[in-house]
């Protein structure tokens, strides 16, 4: 019976030792991925902003803008390949003084590898309905659980071009140690407009008459990223949109803002990152480590029980002639009689 118990313990120990690498290299590879069904709403605020009110044909300054961004995963977009995630993003920009009338609406769809976070061109990816764009680099996430202190190429949805996101420093956001990256998006023509603008609004003499203009954009983006998970927990987007004449002599600002993720959403993103980091550490460290310790302990106990002999019981104590246990007392010798 003792040997059987020992062999069972040895078998359990071997099972746990086999379980450790299985969890670390097989299960982790399927758990440490971007989700298919992501849903997230964040807000960015910019004070002392400027924008051109097309309805009033007036440039408004000193206003507070609020950008509401919604990211929603489309689980049904790519049912043939679970390695690809498809997310839709919509951003509505409002003047807080008139929140019922959005100033700008931008929407895009990205498809990316769930393990590396790199963009792929499939599954209806588009920017503002333009499905002909070719995306490259990274989109909304950094590499899952593997963010390094180096530069990454990120695709800018406004200019439809890739620009490097450069590592700057290690900083704390809401108690979380993050990596700070910055991206400079150069002045880029984004569209040619069919409308003409009065010369005086473009800084030209009134006698120049109405001028044909093109739309340009430039930005300086900053992202604070949780290096454990690749989740950005704070954004800062310093953007500037202008209308310019083809010869570049006339120009006017139509939007200028310094948008920063509001505090409550920073805390929410930090909580999300902490939860994901715990999940990653569980399958990469905690569960495999515990399985190894348990397996080694069971092997040691099983080997001891199987290969060691129990000590023999002590010999039985003999019964004395008088019926009691113990050594037989020596025979009483007769004493010499007194004469």
Protein backbone atom coordinates (compact mmCIF):
# COMPACT_ATOMS: atom_id res chain seq x y z
CA UNK A 1 0.00 0.00 0.00
CA UNK A 2 2.82 2.37 0.90
CA UNK A 3 4.49 1.79 -2.48
CA UNK A 4 1.24 2.45 -4.35
CA UNK A 5 0.74 5.77 -2.59
CA UNK A 6 4.31 6.76 -3.41
CA UNK A 7 3.89 5.94 -7.10
CA UNK A 8 0.68 7.99 -7.23
CA UNK A 9 2.49 10.98 -5.73
CA UNK A 10 5.34 10.58 -8.24
CA UNK A 11 2.81 10.51 -11.09
CA UNK A 12 1.12 13.69 -9.80
CA UNK A 13 4.50 15.39 -9.49
CA UNK A 14 5.37 14.51 -13.08
CA UNK A 15 1.98 15.87 -14.18
CA UNK A 16 2.57 19.26 -12.54
CA UNK A 17 6.09 19.48 -13.98
CA UNK A 18 4.64 18.82 -17.44
CA UNK A 19 1.87 21.36 -16.83
CA UNK A 20 4.34 24.20 -16.15
CA UNK A 21 5.86 24.50 -19.67
CA UNK A 22 2.46 23.76 -21.22
CA UNK A 23 0.94 26.81 -19.51
CA UNK A 24 4.01 28.99 -20.09
CA UNK A 25 4.48 28.33 -23.80
CA UNK A 26 1.14 27.02 -25.11
CA UNK A 27 -1.61 28.55 -23.00
CA UNK A 28 0.20 31.89 -22.66
CA UNK A 29 0.55 32.12 -26.44
CA UNK A 30 -3.25 32.05 -26.70
CA UNK A 31 -4.00 34.28 -23.72
CA UNK A 32 -1.44 37.07 -24.25
CA UNK A 33 -3.20 38.56 -27.29
CA UNK A 34 -5.32 41.61 -28.03
CA UNK A 35 -9.05 40.97 -27.50
CA UNK A 36 -11.45 40.65 -30.40
CA UNK A 37 -14.31 42.37 -28.57
CA UNK A 38 -12.63 45.50 -27.17
CA UNK A 39 -14.99 48.31 -26.11
CA UNK A 40 -13.58 51.53 -24.76
CA UNK A 41 -14.74 55.14 -24.51
CA UNK A 42 -12.25 57.88 -23.61
CA UNK A 43 -12.34 61.64 -23.63
CA UNK A 44 -9.61 64.15 -24.38
CA UNK A 45 -9.91 67.81 -23.44
CA UNK A 46 -8.21 70.90 -24.85
CA UNK A 47 -8.50 74.32 -23.23
CA UNK A 48 -7.75 77.62 -24.97
CA UNK A 49 -8.33 76.09 -28.40
CA UNK A 50 -9.09 77.64 -31.80
CA UNK A 51 -11.37 76.51 -34.60
CA UNK A 52 -13.15 77.94 -37.61
CA UNK A 53 -16.93 77.89 -37.29
CA UNK A 54 -18.12 77.21 -40.82
CA UNK A 55 -21.73 78.09 -40.02
CA UNK A 56 -20.81 81.55 -38.75
CA UNK A 57 -17.73 81.94 -40.96
CA UNK A 58 -15.88 83.01 -37.85
CA UNK A 59 -12.65 81.96 -36.19
CA UNK A 60 -13.35 81.18 -32.53
CA UNK A 61 -10.54 81.39 -30.02
CA UNK A 62 -10.12 80.60 -26.33
CA UNK A 63 -12.68 77.76 -26.43
CA UNK A 64 -12.60 74.39 -24.68
CA UNK A 65 -12.83 71.41 -27.00
CA UNK A 66 -13.75 67.87 -26.01
CA UNK A 67 -12.93 64.84 -28.17
CA UNK A 68 -14.92 61.69 -27.43
CA UNK A 69 -13.26 58.57 -28.81
CA UNK A 70 -15.05 55.21 -29.02
CA UNK A 71 -13.22 51.99 -29.92
CA UNK A 72 -15.32 48.90 -30.60
CA UNK A 73 -14.09 45.49 -31.72
CA UNK A 74 -15.95 43.85 -34.59
CA UNK A 75 -15.91 40.15 -33.71
CA UNK A 76 -17.71 39.13 -36.91
CA UNK A 77 -15.46 41.05 -39.29
CA UNK A 78 -12.91 38.25 -39.74
CA UNK A 79 -14.38 34.90 -38.72
CA UNK A 80 -11.80 32.91 -40.72
CA UNK A 81 -8.72 34.00 -38.77
CA UNK A 82 -8.71 34.43 -34.99
CA UNK A 83 -5.15 35.78 -35.20
CA UNK A 84 -6.48 39.06 -36.65
CA UNK A 85 -8.46 41.61 -34.62
CA UNK A 86 -10.63 44.26 -36.25
CA UNK A 87 -11.43 47.44 -34.33
CA UNK A 88 -13.54 50.45 -35.32
CA UNK A 89 -12.72 53.89 -33.93
CA UNK A 90 -14.88 57.02 -34.02
CA UNK A 91 -13.89 60.43 -32.66
CA UNK A 92 -16.35 63.31 -32.28
CA UNK A 93 -14.92 66.73 -31.43
CA UNK A 94 -17.20 69.25 -29.69
CA UNK A 95 -17.08 72.81 -28.46
CA UNK A 96 -18.15 72.45 -24.81
CA UNK A 97 -20.18 75.64 -25.21
CA UNK A 98 -22.28 73.90 -27.89
CA UNK A 99 -22.02 70.13 -27.24
CA UNK A 100 -24.92 69.21 -29.53
CA UNK A 101 -23.04 70.24 -32.68
CA UNK A 102 -19.86 68.28 -33.45
CA UNK A 103 -17.08 70.28 -35.04
CA UNK A 104 -15.32 67.29 -36.55
CA UNK A 105 -16.05 63.58 -36.88
CA UNK A 106 -13.35 61.09 -37.79
CA UNK A 107 -13.81 57.36 -38.20
CA UNK A 108 -11.53 54.52 -39.19
CA UNK A 109 -11.25 50.75 -39.08
CA UNK A 110 -8.01 48.89 -38.47
CA UNK A 111 -7.06 45.22 -38.69
CA UNK A 112 -3.98 44.01 -36.86
CA UNK A 113 -2.14 40.92 -35.66
CA UNK A 114 -3.38 40.08 -32.16
CA UNK A 115 0.08 38.99 -30.96
CA UNK A 116 2.35 41.62 -32.50
CA UNK A 117 -0.18 44.51 -32.85
CA UNK A 118 1.15 45.27 -36.34
CA UNK A 119 -1.40 46.52 -38.87
CA UNK A 120 -2.55 44.37 -41.77
CA UNK A 121 -4.57 45.44 -44.80
CA UNK A 122 -7.74 43.39 -44.79
CA UNK A 123 -11.23 43.09 -43.39
CA UNK A 124 -12.53 46.42 -44.69
CA UNK A 125 -9.86 48.62 -43.11
CA UNK A 126 -10.45 52.29 -44.01
CA UNK A 127 -9.99 55.90 -42.94
CA UNK A 128 -13.13 58.04 -43.16
CA UNK A 129 -14.58 55.59 -45.65
CA UNK A 130 -11.50 55.47 -47.87
CA UNK A 131 -10.77 51.78 -48.26
CA UNK A 132 -7.88 52.39 -50.64
CA UNK A 133 -5.45 53.42 -47.91
CA UNK A 134 -2.52 51.10 -47.20
CA UNK A 135 -1.70 51.00 -43.51
CA UNK A 136 1.61 49.90 -42.01
CA UNK A 137 3.36 49.89 -38.66
CA UNK A 138 1.20 50.09 -35.54
CA UNK A 139 -2.24 51.57 -34.97
CA UNK A 140 -3.87 51.75 -31.54
CA UNK A 141 -1.67 49.39 -29.53
CA UNK A 142 2.02 48.83 -28.93
CA UNK A 143 3.43 45.26 -28.94
CA UNK A 144 1.51 43.10 -26.48
CA UNK A 145 3.52 42.59 -23.26
CA UNK A 146 6.79 43.43 -25.00
CA UNK A 147 7.25 47.21 -25.20
CA UNK A 148 10.89 48.19 -25.56
CA UNK A 149 12.72 51.48 -25.10
CA UNK A 150 13.05 52.04 -28.84
CA UNK A 151 11.23 53.72 -31.73
CA UNK A 152 8.07 52.30 -33.34
CA UNK A 153 6.43 53.26 -36.65
CA UNK A 154 2.83 54.37 -36.09
CA UNK A 155 0.24 55.09 -38.76
CA UNK A 156 -1.31 58.56 -38.51
CA UNK A 157 -4.97 58.48 -39.54
CA UNK A 158 -5.20 62.19 -40.38
CA UNK A 159 -2.29 62.41 -42.80
CA UNK A 160 -2.53 58.73 -43.83
CA UNK A 161 1.18 58.20 -43.45
CA UNK A 162 3.53 56.39 -41.09
CA UNK A 163 5.79 58.37 -38.77
CA UNK A 164 8.14 57.14 -36.02
CA UNK A 165 6.94 57.11 -32.41
CA UNK A 166 10.17 57.79 -30.51
CA UNK A 167 10.94 56.67 -26.97
CA UNK A 168 11.60 59.67 -24.69
CA UNK A 169 11.52 58.78 -21.01
CA UNK A 170 10.08 56.72 -18.19
CA UNK A 171 7.29 58.58 -16.39
CA UNK A 172 4.57 57.83 -13.85
CA UNK A 173 0.90 58.15 -14.77
CA UNK A 174 -1.70 57.68 -12.04
CA UNK A 175 0.79 55.64 -10.01
CA UNK A 176 1.80 53.43 -12.96
CA UNK A 177 5.33 53.44 -14.40
CA UNK A 178 5.02 54.06 -18.13
CA UNK A 179 7.17 54.61 -21.21
CA UNK A 180 6.65 57.98 -22.90
CA UNK A 181 6.78 58.12 -26.70
CA UNK A 182 6.45 61.13 -29.02
CA UNK A 183 5.59 61.39 -32.70
CA UNK A 184 6.08 64.44 -34.90
CA UNK A 185 3.72 64.41 -37.89
CA UNK A 186 5.06 66.91 -40.46
CA UNK A 187 2.94 69.45 -42.29
CA UNK A 188 1.04 67.38 -44.84
CA UNK A 189 -1.60 68.14 -47.44
CA UNK A 190 -4.64 66.06 -46.59
CA UNK A 191 -7.12 67.19 -49.24
CA UNK A 192 -7.78 69.64 -52.05
CA UNK A 193 -10.97 71.61 -51.51
CA UNK A 194 -13.45 72.74 -54.14
CA UNK A 195 -14.27 75.93 -52.25
CA UNK A 196 -12.58 79.34 -52.33
CA UNK A 197 -11.82 81.54 -49.36
CA UNK A 198 -11.75 85.36 -49.21
CA UNK A 199 -8.20 86.67 -49.52
CA UNK A 200 -8.43 88.72 -46.32
CA UNK A 201 -9.14 85.56 -44.26
CA UNK A 202 -5.96 84.05 -45.68
CA UNK A 203 -3.84 87.04 -44.70
CA UNK A 204 -3.70 88.37 -48.27
CA UNK A 205 -4.72 91.79 -49.63
CA UNK A 206 -8.48 92.01 -50.24
CA UNK A 207 -7.86 92.91 -53.89
CA UNK A 208 -6.45 89.41 -54.42
CA UNK A 209 -10.02 88.11 -54.42
CA UNK A 210 -11.18 84.66 -53.44
CA UNK A 211 -8.48 82.02 -53.38
CA UNK A 212 -8.50 78.28 -53.95
CA UNK A 213 -7.22 76.44 -50.89
CA UNK A 214 -6.03 73.01 -49.77
CA UNK A 215 -6.31 71.50 -46.31
CA UNK A 216 -3.12 70.74 -44.37
CA UNK A 217 -2.48 69.02 -41.06
CA UNK A 218 0.43 68.67 -38.66
CA UNK A 219 0.63 67.22 -35.16
CA UNK A 220 2.86 66.41 -32.25
CA UNK A 221 1.56 63.34 -30.44
CA UNK A 222 2.64 62.01 -27.05
CA UNK A 223 1.64 58.59 -25.70
CA UNK A 224 2.28 57.09 -22.26
CA UNK A 225 2.30 53.28 -22.51
CA UNK A 226 2.22 50.49 -19.95
CA UNK A 227 5.31 48.45 -20.93
CA UNK A 228 3.83 45.30 -19.36
CA UNK A 229 0.83 45.19 -21.68
CA UNK A 230 1.32 47.63 -24.57
CA UNK A 231 -1.83 49.54 -23.55
CA UNK A 232 -1.63 53.35 -23.89
CA UNK A 233 -2.96 54.92 -20.66
CA UNK A 234 -2.65 58.58 -21.64
CA UNK A 235 -2.62 60.56 -24.90
CA UNK A 236 -1.68 64.11 -25.73
CA UNK A 237 -2.42 65.30 -29.27
CA UNK A 238 -1.20 68.77 -30.19
CA UNK A 239 -2.83 69.29 -33.58
CA UNK A 240 -2.94 72.15 -36.05
CA UNK A 241 -5.06 72.17 -39.22
CA UNK A 242 -4.79 74.96 -41.78
CA UNK A 243 -6.08 76.07 -45.17
CA UNK A 244 -3.36 77.18 -47.56
CA UNK A 245 -3.24 78.53 -51.06
CA UNK A 246 -1.44 76.34 -53.62
CA UNK A 247 1.47 78.79 -53.74
CA UNK A 248 1.72 78.78 -49.93
CA UNK A 249 1.45 82.58 -49.65
CA UNK A 250 -1.93 82.61 -47.94
CA UNK A 251 -2.97 80.53 -44.94
CA UNK A 252 -5.45 80.45 -42.08
CA UNK A 253 -5.91 78.25 -39.04
CA UNK A 254 -9.09 76.18 -38.99
CA UNK A 255 -8.29 74.11 -35.90
CA UNK A 256 -5.65 74.23 -33.21
CA UNK A 257 -5.89 72.17 -30.03
CA UNK A 258 -3.84 70.45 -27.37
CA UNK A 259 -5.97 67.44 -26.45
CA UNK A 260 -5.11 65.45 -23.31
CA UNK A 261 -6.86 62.37 -21.90
CA UNK A 262 -9.00 63.44 -18.92
CA UNK A 263 -7.96 62.21 -15.46
CA UNK A 264 -10.82 59.77 -14.85
CA UNK A 265 -10.16 57.99 -18.13
CA UNK A 266 -6.44 57.81 -17.35
CA UNK A 267 -7.31 55.99 -14.11
CA UNK A 268 -9.70 53.68 -15.97
CA UNK A 269 -7.01 52.79 -18.51
CA UNK A 270 -4.47 52.18 -15.74
CA UNK A 271 -6.94 49.78 -14.08
CA UNK A 272 -7.40 47.99 -17.40
CA UNK A 273 -3.63 47.70 -17.82
CA UNK A 274 -3.23 46.33 -14.28
CA UNK A 275 -5.87 43.68 -14.94
CA UNK A 276 -4.25 42.63 -18.20
CA UNK A 277 -0.79 42.56 -16.57
CA UNK A 278 -2.10 40.25 -13.84
CA UNK A 279 -3.51 37.94 -16.49
CA UNK A 280 -0.22 37.92 -18.39
CA UNK A 281 1.85 37.29 -15.25
CA UNK A 282 -0.50 34.51 -14.18
CA UNK A 283 0.08 32.43 -17.30
CA UNK A 284 3.74 33.37 -17.72
CA UNK A 285 5.01 33.33 -14.14
CA UNK A 286 2.63 32.49 -11.31
CA UNK A 287 0.90 29.34 -12.58
CA UNK A 288 4.05 27.77 -14.15
CA UNK A 289 6.10 28.62 -11.05
CA UNK A 290 3.52 27.14 -8.68
CA UNK A 291 3.24 24.02 -10.87
CA UNK A 292 7.03 23.48 -10.71
CA UNK A 293 7.13 23.87 -6.92
CA UNK A 294 4.17 21.54 -6.40
CA UNK A 295 5.59 19.00 -8.87
CA UNK A 296 9.00 18.93 -7.19
CA UNK A 297 7.44 18.59 -3.74
CA UNK A 298 5.22 15.70 -4.86
CA UNK A 299 8.16 13.95 -6.52
CA UNK A 300 10.25 14.23 -3.37
CA UNK A 301 7.49 12.96 -1.11
CA UNK A 302 6.59 10.16 -3.55
CA UNK A 303 10.21 9.03 -3.84
CA UNK A 304 10.61 9.02 -0.07
CA UNK A 305 7.43 7.00 0.45
CA UNK A 306 8.27 4.54 -2.36
CA UNK A 307 11.95 3.85 -1.80
CA UNK A 308 12.37 3.98 1.95
CA UNK A 309 11.50 1.06 4.21
CA UNK A 310 9.50 1.71 7.35
CA UNK A 311 11.34 1.03 10.61
CA UNK A 312 10.52 -2.43 12.04
CA UNK A 313 8.33 -2.40 15.15
CA UNK A 314 10.15 -2.93 18.48
CA UNK A 315 10.29 -6.60 19.71
CA UNK A 316 7.46 -7.71 21.96
CA UNK A 317 8.21 -7.69 25.67
CA UNK A 318 8.22 -11.31 27.05
CA UNK A 319 5.66 -12.35 29.68
CA UNK A 320 7.03 -13.26 33.13
CA UNK A 321 6.04 -16.49 34.89
CA UNK A 322 3.85 -14.48 37.20
CA UNK A 323 1.80 -13.34 34.22
CA UNK A 324 3.20 -9.84 34.10
CA UNK A 325 5.26 -8.30 31.34
CA UNK A 326 8.90 -7.61 31.81
CA UNK A 327 12.13 -9.52 32.49
CA UNK A 328 11.84 -12.66 34.68
CA UNK A 329 13.17 -11.78 38.12
CA UNK A 330 16.09 -13.85 39.32
CA UNK A 331 15.24 -16.93 41.48
CA UNK A 332 15.32 -16.23 45.14
CA UNK A 333 18.25 -18.03 46.76
CA UNK A 334 17.54 -19.75 50.12
CA UNK A 335 19.07 -18.00 53.07
CA UNK A 336 21.13 -20.17 55.45
CA UNK A 337 19.20 -21.27 58.53
CA UNK A 338 20.28 -20.00 61.80
CA UNK A 339 21.58 -22.71 64.17
